[in-house]
C-alpha atoms as a PDB file:
ATOM      1  CA  UNK A   1     260.204  69.225 247.481  1.00  0.00           C
ATOM      2  CA  UNK A   2     258.967  70.606 244.145  1.00  0.00           C
ATOM      3  CA  UNK A   3     255.471  70.393 242.763  1.00  0.00           C
ATOM      4  CA  UNK A   4     254.946  67.467 240.385  1.00  0.00           C
ATOM      5  CA  UNK A   5     254.086  68.409 236.819  1.00  0.00           C
ATOM      6  CA  UNK A   6     250.471  67.495 236.020  1.00  0.00           C
ATOM      7  CA  UNK A   7     249.752  64.958 233.297  1.00  0.00           C
ATOM      8  CA  UNK A   8     246.420  66.560 232.360  1.00  0.00           C
ATOM      9  CA  UNK A   9     245.061  70.044 233.053  1.00  0.00           C
ATOM     10  CA  UNK A  10     241.354  70.802 232.701  1.00  0.00           C
ATOM     11  CA  UNK A  11     240.320  74.440 232.359  1.00  0.00           C
ATOM     12  CA  UNK A  12     237.052  76.141 233.147  1.00  0.00           C
ATOM     13  CA  UNK A  13     236.112  78.797 230.564  1.00  0.00           C
ATOM     14  CA  UNK A  14     234.062  81.720 231.913  1.00  0.00           C
ATOM     15  CA  UNK A  15     236.208  84.099 233.990  1.00  0.00           C
ATOM     16  CA  UNK A  16     239.081  81.595 233.923  1.00  0.00           C
ATOM     17  CA  UNK A  17     240.146  81.748 230.270  1.00  0.00           C
ATOM     18  CA  UNK A  18     237.852  84.439 228.869  1.00  0.00           C
ATOM     19  CA  UNK A  19     235.455  87.184 229.883  1.00  0.00           C
ATOM     20  CA  UNK A  20     232.538  87.170 227.455  1.00  0.00           C
ATOM     21  CA  UNK A  21     231.305  90.646 228.316  1.00  0.00           C
ATOM     22  CA  UNK A  22     227.889  89.326 229.331  1.00  0.00           C
ATOM     23  CA  UNK A  23     227.279  87.422 226.108  1.00  0.00           C
ATOM     24  CA  UNK A  24     225.914  84.353 227.858  1.00  0.00           C
ATOM     25  CA  UNK A  25     223.473  86.287 230.029  1.00  0.00           C
ATOM     26  CA  UNK A  26     222.240  88.305 227.056  1.00  0.00           C
ATOM     27  CA  UNK A  27     221.711  85.116 225.079  1.00  0.00           C
ATOM     28  CA  UNK A  28     219.638  83.465 227.816  1.00  0.00           C
ATOM     29  CA  UNK A  29     217.557  86.652 228.010  1.00  0.00           C
ATOM     30  CA  UNK A  30     217.056  86.619 224.243  1.00  0.00           C
ATOM     31  CA  UNK A  31     216.005  82.955 224.316  1.00  0.00           C
ATOM     32  CA  UNK A  32     213.336  83.545 226.966  1.00  0.00           C
ATOM     33  CA  UNK A  33     212.173  86.691 225.180  1.00  0.00           C
ATOM     34  CA  UNK A  34     211.789  84.894 221.859  1.00  0.00           C
ATOM     35  CA  UNK A  35     209.999  81.831 223.248  1.00  0.00           C
ATOM     36  CA  UNK A  36     207.906  83.384 226.018  1.00  0.00           C
ATOM     37  CA  UNK A  37     207.978  87.153 225.519  1.00  0.00           C
ATOM     38  CA  UNK A  38     209.260  87.531 229.077  1.00  0.00           C
ATOM     39  CA  UNK A  39     212.411  89.170 230.462  1.00  0.00           C
ATOM     40  CA  UNK A  40     214.801  86.778 232.196  1.00  0.00           C
ATOM     41  CA  UNK A  41     217.879  87.740 234.189  1.00  0.00           C
ATOM     42  CA  UNK A  42     219.906  84.609 234.965  1.00  0.00           C
ATOM     43  CA  UNK A  43     221.773  86.528 237.674  1.00  0.00           C
ATOM     44  CA  UNK A  44     218.584  86.660 239.729  1.00  0.00           C
ATOM     45  CA  UNK A  45     218.061  82.910 239.623  1.00  0.00           C
ATOM     46  CA  UNK A  46     221.507  81.267 239.445  1.00  0.00           C
ATOM     47  CA  UNK A  47     225.075  81.723 240.634  1.00  0.00           C
ATOM     48  CA  UNK A  48     228.499  81.682 239.013  1.00  0.00           C
ATOM     49  CA  UNK A  49     229.839  78.193 238.363  1.00  0.00           C
ATOM     50  CA  UNK A  50     226.471  76.484 237.877  1.00  0.00           C
ATOM     51  CA  UNK A  51     225.947  74.361 234.770  1.00  0.00           C
ATOM     52  CA  UNK A  52     223.865  75.516 231.804  1.00  0.00           C
ATOM     53  CA  UNK A  53     221.113  72.949 232.532  1.00  0.00           C
ATOM     54  CA  UNK A  54     220.918  74.261 236.117  1.00  0.00           C
ATOM     55  CA  UNK A  55     220.807  77.866 234.903  1.00  0.00           C
ATOM     56  CA  UNK A  56     218.067  77.110 232.375  1.00  0.00           C
ATOM     57  CA  UNK A  57     215.916  75.145 234.796  1.00  0.00           C
ATOM     58  CA  UNK A  58     216.253  77.586 237.714  1.00  0.00           C
ATOM     59  CA  UNK A  59     215.647  80.630 235.520  1.00  0.00           C
ATOM     60  CA  UNK A  60     212.614  78.953 233.933  1.00  0.00           C
ATOM     61  CA  UNK A  61     211.187  78.262 237.403  1.00  0.00           C
ATOM     62  CA  UNK A  62     211.864  81.848 238.485  1.00  0.00           C
ATOM     63  CA  UNK A  63     210.361  83.447 235.396  1.00  0.00           C
ATOM     64  CA  UNK A  64     207.434  81.129 234.623  1.00  0.00           C
ATOM     65  CA  UNK A  65     206.776  79.757 238.090  1.00  0.00           C
ATOM     66  CA  UNK A  66     206.733  76.085 237.117  1.00  0.00           C
ATOM     67  CA  UNK A  67     208.978  73.229 236.069  1.00  0.00           C
ATOM     68  CA  UNK A  68     209.962  73.143 232.390  1.00  0.00           C
ATOM     69  CA  UNK A  69     209.269  70.118 230.217  1.00  0.00           C
ATOM     70  CA  UNK A  70     212.179  68.516 228.379  1.00  0.00           C
ATOM     71  CA  UNK A  71     210.798  69.860 225.111  1.00  0.00           C
ATOM     72  CA  UNK A  72     210.776  73.380 226.543  1.00  0.00           C
ATOM     73  CA  UNK A  73     214.362  73.032 227.747  1.00  0.00           C
ATOM     74  CA  UNK A  74     215.487  71.720 224.357  1.00  0.00           C
ATOM     75  CA  UNK A  75     213.949  74.751 222.621  1.00  0.00           C
ATOM     76  CA  UNK A  76     215.596  77.098 225.134  1.00  0.00           C
ATOM     77  CA  UNK A  77     218.994  75.480 224.555  1.00  0.00           C
ATOM     78  CA  UNK A  78     218.614  75.839 220.780  1.00  0.00           C
ATOM     79  CA  UNK A  79     217.657  79.512 220.940  1.00  0.00           C
ATOM     80  CA  UNK A  80     220.394  80.243 223.453  1.00  0.00           C
ATOM     81  CA  UNK A  81     223.090  78.712 221.242  1.00  0.00           C
ATOM     82  CA  UNK A  82     221.863  80.494 218.111  1.00  0.00           C
ATOM     83  CA  UNK A  83     221.941  83.873 219.830  1.00  0.00           C
ATOM     84  CA  UNK A  84     225.280  83.208 221.541  1.00  0.00           C
ATOM     85  CA  UNK A  85     227.007  82.396 218.250  1.00  0.00           C
ATOM     86  CA  UNK A  86     226.135  85.857 216.924  1.00  0.00           C
ATOM     87  CA  UNK A  87     226.453  87.847 220.156  1.00  0.00           C
ATOM     88  CA  UNK A  88     229.896  86.555 221.125  1.00  0.00           C
ATOM     89  CA  UNK A  89     231.407  87.939 217.912  1.00  0.00           C
ATOM     90  CA  UNK A  90     230.201  91.484 218.599  1.00  0.00           C
ATOM     91  CA  UNK A  91     230.553  91.532 222.392  1.00  0.00           C
ATOM     92  CA  UNK A  92     232.523  94.722 222.981  1.00  0.00           C
ATOM     93  CA  UNK A  93     233.943  93.651 226.332  1.00  0.00           C
ATOM     94  CA  UNK A  94     234.971  90.133 225.286  1.00  0.00           C
ATOM     95  CA  UNK A  95     238.588  89.439 226.155  1.00  0.00           C
ATOM     96  CA  UNK A  96     241.007  86.601 226.747  1.00  0.00           C
ATOM     97  CA  UNK A  97     242.103  86.915 230.355  1.00  0.00           C
ATOM     98  CA  UNK A  98     245.704  87.849 231.204  1.00  0.00           C
ATOM     99  CA  UNK A  99     248.158  84.984 230.928  1.00  0.00           C
ATOM    100  CA  UNK A 100     245.620  82.490 229.555  1.00  0.00           C
ATOM    101  CA  UNK A 101     247.067  81.945 226.093  1.00  0.00           C
ATOM    102  CA  UNK A 102     250.633  81.983 227.390  1.00  0.00           C
ATOM    103  CA  UNK A 103     250.014  79.293 230.018  1.00  0.00           C
ATOM    104  CA  UNK A 104     248.204  77.096 227.487  1.00  0.00           C
ATOM    105  CA  UNK A 105     251.194  77.324 225.161  1.00  0.00           C
ATOM    106  CA  UNK A 106     253.638  76.527 227.974  1.00  0.00           C
ATOM    107  CA  UNK A 107     251.618  73.552 229.199  1.00  0.00           C
ATOM    108  CA  UNK A 108     251.368  72.154 225.683  1.00  0.00           C
ATOM    109  CA  UNK A 109     255.103  72.549 225.151  1.00  0.00           C
ATOM    110  CA  UNK A 110     255.694  70.735 228.458  1.00  0.00           C
ATOM    111  CA  UNK A 111     253.728  67.732 227.177  1.00  0.00           C
ATOM    112  CA  UNK A 112     250.663  68.314 229.342  1.00  0.00           C
ATOM    113  CA  UNK A 113     247.360  67.210 227.790  1.00  0.00           C
ATOM    114  CA  UNK A 114     244.763  69.988 227.871  1.00  0.00           C
ATOM    115  CA  UNK A 115     241.028  69.657 228.225  1.00  0.00           C
ATOM    116  CA  UNK A 116     238.003  71.749 229.126  1.00  0.00           C
ATOM    117  CA  UNK A 117     235.736  71.276 232.116  1.00  0.00           C
ATOM    118  CA  UNK A 118     232.864  73.686 231.865  1.00  0.00           C
ATOM    119  CA  UNK A 119     229.345  74.006 233.131  1.00  0.00           C
ATOM    120  CA  UNK A 120     228.461  75.327 229.692  1.00  0.00           C
ATOM    121  CA  UNK A 121     226.941  72.988 227.133  1.00  0.00           C
ATOM    122  CA  UNK A 122     229.585  71.763 224.701  1.00  0.00           C
ATOM    123  CA  UNK A 123     228.279  73.956 221.892  1.00  0.00           C
ATOM    124  CA  UNK A 124     228.286  77.030 224.125  1.00  0.00           C
ATOM    125  CA  UNK A 125     231.693  76.227 225.622  1.00  0.00           C
ATOM    126  CA  UNK A 126     233.363  75.931 222.241  1.00  0.00           C
ATOM    127  CA  UNK A 127     231.534  79.024 220.928  1.00  0.00           C
ATOM    128  CA  UNK A 128     232.856  81.124 223.819  1.00  0.00           C
ATOM    129  CA  UNK A 129     236.436  80.297 222.800  1.00  0.00           C
ATOM    130  CA  UNK A 130     236.003  81.265 219.131  1.00  0.00           C
ATOM    131  CA  UNK A 131     236.787  85.013 219.321  1.00  0.00           C
ATOM    132  CA  UNK A 132     239.939  84.326 221.351  1.00  0.00           C
ATOM    133  CA  UNK A 133     241.038  81.483 219.019  1.00  0.00           C
ATOM    134  CA  UNK A 134     241.499  79.183 222.016  1.00  0.00           C
ATOM    135  CA  UNK A 135     239.752  76.045 220.751  1.00  0.00           C
ATOM    136  CA  UNK A 136     243.028  74.976 219.124  1.00  0.00           C
ATOM    137  CA  UNK A 137     244.548  74.144 222.516  1.00  0.00           C
ATOM    138  CA  UNK A 138     241.960  71.645 223.766  1.00  0.00           C
ATOM    139  CA  UNK A 139     241.761  67.992 222.822  1.00  0.00           C
ATOM    140  CA  UNK A 140     238.596  67.049 224.729  1.00  0.00           C
ATOM    141  CA  UNK A 141     236.342  68.156 227.566  1.00  0.00           C
ATOM    142  CA  UNK A 142     233.550  67.594 230.040  1.00  0.00           C
ATOM    143  CA  UNK A 143     230.543  69.899 229.743  1.00  0.00           C
ATOM    144  CA  UNK A 144     227.212  70.842 231.254  1.00  0.00           C
ATOM    145  CA  UNK A 145     225.640  68.887 228.392  1.00  0.00           C
ATOM    146  CA  UNK A 146     227.342  65.738 229.758  1.00  0.00           C
ATOM    147  CA  UNK A 147     225.841  66.211 233.215  1.00  0.00           C
ATOM    148  CA  UNK A 148     224.078  69.000 235.127  1.00  0.00           C
ATOM    149  CA  UNK A 149     226.262  68.066 238.107  1.00  0.00           C
ATOM    150  CA  UNK A 150     229.654  69.755 238.082  1.00  0.00           C
ATOM    151  CA  UNK A 151     231.437  66.997 239.991  1.00  0.00           C
ATOM    152  CA  UNK A 152     230.086  64.320 237.653  1.00  0.00           C
ATOM    153  CA  UNK A 153     231.040  66.181 234.479  1.00  0.00           C
ATOM    154  CA  UNK A 154     234.536  66.645 235.926  1.00  0.00           C
ATOM    155  CA  UNK A 155     234.789  62.902 236.536  1.00  0.00           C
ATOM    156  CA  UNK A 156     233.589  62.311 232.985  1.00  0.00           C
ATOM    157  CA  UNK A 157     236.308  64.602 231.630  1.00  0.00           C
ATOM    158  CA  UNK A 158     238.920  62.659 233.595  1.00  0.00           C
ATOM    159  CA  UNK A 159     237.512  59.399 232.207  1.00  0.00           C
ATOM    160  CA  UNK A 160     237.872  60.783 228.668  1.00  0.00           C
ATOM    161  CA  UNK A 161     241.474  61.746 229.392  1.00  0.00           C
ATOM    162  CA  UNK A 162     242.176  58.244 230.729  1.00  0.00           C
ATOM    163  CA  UNK A 163     241.103  56.770 227.389  1.00  0.00           C
ATOM    164  CA  UNK A 164     243.942  58.665 225.739  1.00  0.00           C
ATOM    165  CA  UNK A 165     246.521  58.360 228.495  1.00  0.00           C
ATOM    166  CA  UNK A 166     247.226  54.907 229.934  1.00  0.00           C
ATOM    167  CA  UNK A 167     247.320  54.507 233.704  1.00  0.00           C
ATOM    168  CA  UNK A 168     246.112  58.046 234.376  1.00  0.00           C
ATOM    169  CA  UNK A 169     244.929  58.640 237.929  1.00  0.00           C
ATOM    170  CA  UNK A 170     242.726  61.582 239.024  1.00  0.00           C
ATOM    171  CA  UNK A 171     245.563  62.806 241.260  1.00  0.00           C
ATOM    172  CA  UNK A 172     247.591  63.524 238.085  1.00  0.00           C
ATOM    173  CA  UNK A 173     244.865  65.877 236.849  1.00  0.00           C
ATOM    174  CA  UNK A 174     244.719  69.575 237.736  1.00  0.00           C
ATOM    175  CA  UNK A 175     241.349  71.335 237.453  1.00  0.00           C
ATOM    176  CA  UNK A 176     241.633  75.105 236.988  1.00  0.00           C
ATOM    177  CA  UNK A 177     238.691  77.362 237.763  1.00  0.00           C
ATOM    178  CA  UNK A 178     237.589  80.658 239.264  1.00  0.00           C
ATOM    179  CA  UNK A 179     234.713  79.578 241.545  1.00  0.00           C
ATOM    180  CA  UNK A 180     234.205  77.483 244.689  1.00  0.00           C
ATOM    181  CA  UNK A 181     232.038  75.178 242.516  1.00  0.00           C
ATOM    182  CA  UNK A 182     235.153  74.385 240.454  1.00  0.00           C
ATOM    183  CA  UNK A 183     237.223  73.624 243.565  1.00  0.00           C
ATOM    184  CA  UNK A 184     234.522  71.413 245.086  1.00  0.00           C
ATOM    185  CA  UNK A 185     234.004  69.503 241.834  1.00  0.00           C
ATOM    186  CA  UNK A 186     237.737  68.857 241.465  1.00  0.00           C
ATOM    187  CA  UNK A 187     237.941  67.520 245.024  1.00  0.00           C
ATOM    188  CA  UNK A 188     234.873  65.314 244.515  1.00  0.00           C
ATOM    189  CA  UNK A 189     236.499  63.874 241.373  1.00  0.00           C
ATOM    190  CA  UNK A 190     239.794  63.194 243.176  1.00  0.00           C
ATOM    191  CA  UNK A 191     241.686  65.773 241.103  1.00  0.00           C
ATOM    192  CA  UNK A 192     243.897  68.663 242.210  1.00  0.00           C
ATOM    193  CA  UNK A 193     241.946  71.961 242.440  1.00  0.00           C
ATOM    194  CA  UNK A 194     243.739  75.071 241.157  1.00  0.00           C
ATOM    195  CA  UNK A 195     241.923  78.331 241.870  1.00  0.00           C
ATOM    196  CA  UNK A 196     242.383  81.497 239.821  1.00  0.00           C
ATOM    197  CA  UNK A 197     241.044  84.732 241.306  1.00  0.00           C
ATOM    198  CA  UNK A 198     240.168  86.159 237.900  1.00  0.00           C
ATOM    199  CA  UNK A 199     236.396  86.098 238.398  1.00  0.00           C
ATOM    200  CA  UNK A 200     234.093  87.010 241.265  1.00  0.00           C
ATOM    201  CA  UNK A 201     235.954  85.189 244.046  1.00  0.00           C
ATOM    202  CA  UNK A 202     239.088  86.122 245.983  1.00  0.00           C
ATOM    203  CA  UNK A 203     242.140  83.966 246.612  1.00  0.00           C
ATOM    204  CA  UNK A 204     240.977  83.558 250.225  1.00  0.00           C
ATOM    205  CA  UNK A 205     237.540  82.321 249.130  1.00  0.00           C
ATOM    206  CA  UNK A 206     239.062  79.850 246.682  1.00  0.00           C
ATOM    207  CA  UNK A 207     241.488  78.614 249.332  1.00  0.00           C
ATOM    208  CA  UNK A 208     238.613  78.156 251.782  1.00  0.00           C
ATOM    209  CA  UNK A 209     236.743  76.197 249.087  1.00  0.00           C
ATOM    210  CA  UNK A 210     239.646  73.742 248.967  1.00  0.00           C
ATOM    211  CA  UNK A 211     242.035  75.048 246.323  1.00  0.00           C
ATOM    212  CA  UNK A 212     245.343  73.190 246.625  1.00  0.00           C
ATOM    213  CA  UNK A 213     246.977  75.958 244.636  1.00  0.00           C
ATOM    214  CA  UNK A 214     245.443  79.422 244.252  1.00  0.00           C
ATOM    215  CA  UNK A 215     246.711  82.025 241.784  1.00  0.00           C
ATOM    216  CA  UNK A 216     245.928  85.713 241.485  1.00  0.00           C
ATOM    217  CA  UNK A 217     245.761  85.241 237.707  1.00  0.00           C
ATOM    218  CA  UNK A 218     247.086  82.962 234.987  1.00  0.00           C
ATOM    219  CA  UNK A 219     250.030  85.341 234.669  1.00  0.00           C
ATOM    220  CA  UNK A 220     251.372  83.788 237.886  1.00  0.00           C
ATOM    221  CA  UNK A 221     253.703  80.782 237.766  1.00  0.00           C
ATOM    222  CA  UNK A 222     251.581  77.708 237.120  1.00  0.00           C
ATOM    223  CA  UNK A 223     252.171  74.882 239.636  1.00  0.00           C
ATOM    224  CA  UNK A 224     254.385  72.150 238.232  1.00  0.00           C
ATOM    225  CA  UNK A 225     255.858  74.220 235.405  1.00  0.00           C
END
């Protein structure tokens, strides 16, 4: 029996669609440096697949040794976005990952509605797609600015899709990502998790995390197409 074509596909961004060449990490570092004069390495305090609010809060705790106020977080977000918008355009190692643009074109031609589901804040998520000209494929999304919880923001993205597509059920939605966080969030939201081993995790790790379908890269045949 063949795989049913999805009605909606939600894509993660970092290491699923694009590699930013460290632009995000550099921009967090720059934000902490500007506001506090302190070095901050997000890799020491957070893990791949966490949302921007989680990254900011955990890095703040690690660097300053206390909880941030909301005002402090808001200022960090603003400085991060300002730096990211400049850095992403000159990031030497930025690249669209193999097969990404091609699969987006094919899904669109097949009548599949495309959205984003990213732990990045909406402004950061859209900024990361600018150099690769990928924003044009996505109608809507769920972001770290919608919720710091990955499962909740995935559910919110599905709710947005349901407003545009009558009688949509979560089981008709595929969630594509490169981390176990992506797989777990898709499962929690009732969607179909599709793992892509284009980031820091292997196909085995993504399968163990619950991936219904796991691809080596987006160059592989996409399930349902």
